[in-house]
Amino acid sequence: MLKKITVHTKKRDQMIEVTDTIQQYVTEHGLTDGAVIVYCPHTTGGITINENADPDVKRDMIRRFDEMYPWHHELDHHMEGNTAAHMKASTVGASQHVIIENGRLLLGTWQGIYFCEWDGPRTRTFFVKLL
């Protein structure tokens, strides 16, 4: 079972929580035990799992990524000028696996799944595969 999900990002750098959307898909299909893969097919986007209780975590992460990978660097040669977005996407990664137990995503108390936009705003897609 594969689902394609579309998100509309509003900023260059943005972390959009998609946990509820993925949990809804698991519930709709009645999967009680297994796993889910969440995959981003974009070279300047990614998927991560991190804290979803305090919004400062997202802000701090985006700020720190900008410090590590500045948008403009005198030695970058990529024609599109978005080398920083590619670096952020490679650091975060393109996918995450989550165990499903008793019909629920097996996440920690403060964990959420995020689609990470590093070159927006754009219309993006990601895939959810139930196993």
Protein backbone atom coordinates (compact mmCIF):
# COMPACT_ATOMS: atom_id res chain seq x y z
CA MET A 1 0.00 0.00 0.00
CA LEU A 2 1.52 3.24 -1.21
CA LYS A 3 0.16 6.75 -0.76
CA LYS A 4 1.41 9.94 -2.41
CA ILE A 5 0.87 13.02 -0.25
CA THR A 6 1.17 16.63 -1.40
CA VAL A 7 2.29 19.50 0.82
CA HIS A 8 2.43 23.19 0.00
CA THR A 9 5.34 24.96 1.65
CA LYS A 10 5.26 28.65 2.39
CA LYS A 11 8.91 29.51 3.15
CA ARG A 12 12.39 28.67 1.94
CA ASP A 13 13.12 26.64 5.08
CA GLN A 14 10.22 24.94 6.80
CA MET A 15 9.51 21.82 8.86
CA ILE A 16 5.93 20.62 8.45
CA GLU A 17 4.67 17.99 10.86
CA VAL A 18 3.00 15.12 9.00
CA THR A 19 2.59 12.63 11.87
CA ASP A 20 -1.22 12.83 11.99
CA THR A 21 -1.51 12.40 8.22
CA ILE A 22 0.60 9.26 8.35
CA GLN A 23 -1.25 7.89 11.39
CA GLN A 24 -4.57 8.47 9.60
CA TYR A 25 -3.32 6.45 6.61
CA VAL A 26 -2.27 3.59 8.91
CA THR A 27 -5.67 3.66 10.63
CA GLU A 28 -7.62 3.80 7.33
CA HIS A 29 -5.89 0.63 6.15
CA GLY A 30 -6.33 -1.21 9.45
CA LEU A 31 -2.65 -2.08 9.78
CA THR A 32 -2.12 -3.18 13.38
CA ASP A 33 1.46 -4.46 13.32
CA GLY A 34 4.18 -3.69 10.80
CA ALA A 35 6.10 -0.64 9.72
CA VAL A 36 5.81 2.45 7.58
CA ILE A 37 8.39 4.07 5.35
CA VAL A 38 8.08 7.80 4.73
CA TYR A 39 10.10 8.86 1.68
CA CYS A 40 10.82 12.23 0.04
CA PRO A 41 11.72 12.11 -3.68
CA HIS A 42 13.19 15.64 -3.77
CA THR A 43 16.88 16.58 -3.63
CA THR A 44 16.15 19.71 -1.61
CA GLY A 45 13.59 18.23 0.79
CA GLY A 46 13.73 15.53 3.43
CA ILE A 47 12.04 13.59 6.20
CA THR A 48 13.07 13.64 9.85
CA ILE A 49 11.77 12.62 13.25
CA ASN A 50 12.22 15.09 16.06
CA GLU A 51 10.50 16.82 18.96
CA ASN A 52 6.98 18.07 18.28
CA ALA A 53 6.12 19.60 21.66
CA ASP A 54 8.14 22.83 21.60
CA PRO A 55 8.06 24.89 18.36
CA ASP A 56 11.41 26.42 19.33
CA VAL A 57 13.07 23.13 18.37
CA LYS A 58 12.07 23.60 14.72
CA ARG A 59 13.16 27.25 14.76
CA ASP A 60 16.47 26.38 16.38
CA MET A 61 17.12 23.55 13.94
CA ILE A 62 16.44 25.75 10.92
CA ARG A 63 18.67 28.49 12.35
CA ARG A 64 21.50 26.03 13.04
CA PHE A 65 21.21 24.51 9.56
CA ASP A 66 21.48 28.04 8.14
CA GLU A 67 24.61 28.61 10.22
CA MET A 68 26.17 25.34 9.02
CA TYR A 69 25.06 25.76 5.41
CA PRO A 70 24.76 29.46 4.53
CA TRP A 71 22.55 30.19 1.54
CA HIS A 72 25.29 32.20 -0.19
CA HIS A 73 28.86 30.94 -0.16
CA GLU A 74 31.56 32.36 -2.39
CA LEU A 75 32.89 28.92 -3.33
CA ASP A 76 29.55 27.33 -4.33
CA HIS A 77 29.27 26.76 -8.08
CA HIS A 78 25.85 25.10 -8.41
CA MET A 79 24.04 26.90 -11.22
CA GLU A 80 20.69 27.10 -9.38
CA GLY A 81 22.31 28.70 -6.34
CA ASN A 82 20.72 26.31 -3.86
CA THR A 83 23.70 24.28 -2.67
CA ALA A 84 22.67 24.98 0.94
CA ALA A 85 19.32 23.28 0.31
CA HIS A 86 21.05 20.20 -1.09
CA MET A 87 23.36 20.06 1.93
CA LYS A 88 20.45 20.33 4.37
CA ALA A 89 18.51 17.62 2.53
CA SER A 90 21.49 15.26 2.59
CA THR A 91 22.03 15.90 6.29
CA VAL A 92 18.38 15.26 7.22
CA GLY A 93 17.95 12.32 4.83
CA ALA A 94 15.29 11.28 2.38
CA SER A 95 13.34 8.79 4.50
CA GLN A 96 12.39 7.45 7.91
CA HIS A 97 11.08 4.07 9.05
CA VAL A 98 8.60 3.81 11.93
CA ILE A 99 7.32 0.65 13.61
CA ILE A 100 3.54 0.21 13.85
CA GLU A 101 2.35 -1.55 17.02
CA ASN A 102 -1.31 -2.09 17.88
CA GLY A 103 -2.33 0.21 15.02
CA ARG A 104 -0.25 3.16 16.24
CA LEU A 105 3.00 4.70 15.09
CA LEU A 106 5.61 3.71 17.66
CA LEU A 107 7.01 7.15 18.39
CA GLY A 108 8.39 8.59 21.61
CA THR A 109 6.29 10.92 23.75
CA TRP A 110 7.73 14.06 22.18
CA GLN A 111 8.43 12.75 18.66
CA GLY A 112 6.80 13.77 15.41
CA ILE A 113 7.51 13.10 11.74
CA TYR A 114 8.40 16.15 9.65
CA PHE A 115 8.59 16.96 5.96
CA CYS A 116 11.55 19.34 5.67
CA GLU A 117 11.54 22.00 2.98
CA TRP A 118 14.93 23.56 2.24
CA ASP A 119 14.23 25.38 -1.05
CA GLY A 120 10.69 26.71 -0.94
CA PRO A 121 8.09 27.81 -1.23
CA ARG A 122 7.02 24.90 -3.42
CA THR A 123 4.41 22.23 -3.92
CA ARG A 124 6.04 18.99 -2.80
CA THR A 125 5.16 15.34 -2.55
CA PHE A 126 6.25 12.50 -0.32
CA PHE A 127 5.33 8.84 -0.19
CA VAL A 128 4.08 6.62 2.61
CA LYS A 129 4.51 2.85 2.24
CA LEU A 130 2.88 0.43 4.67
CA LEU A 131 4.68 -2.84 5.34
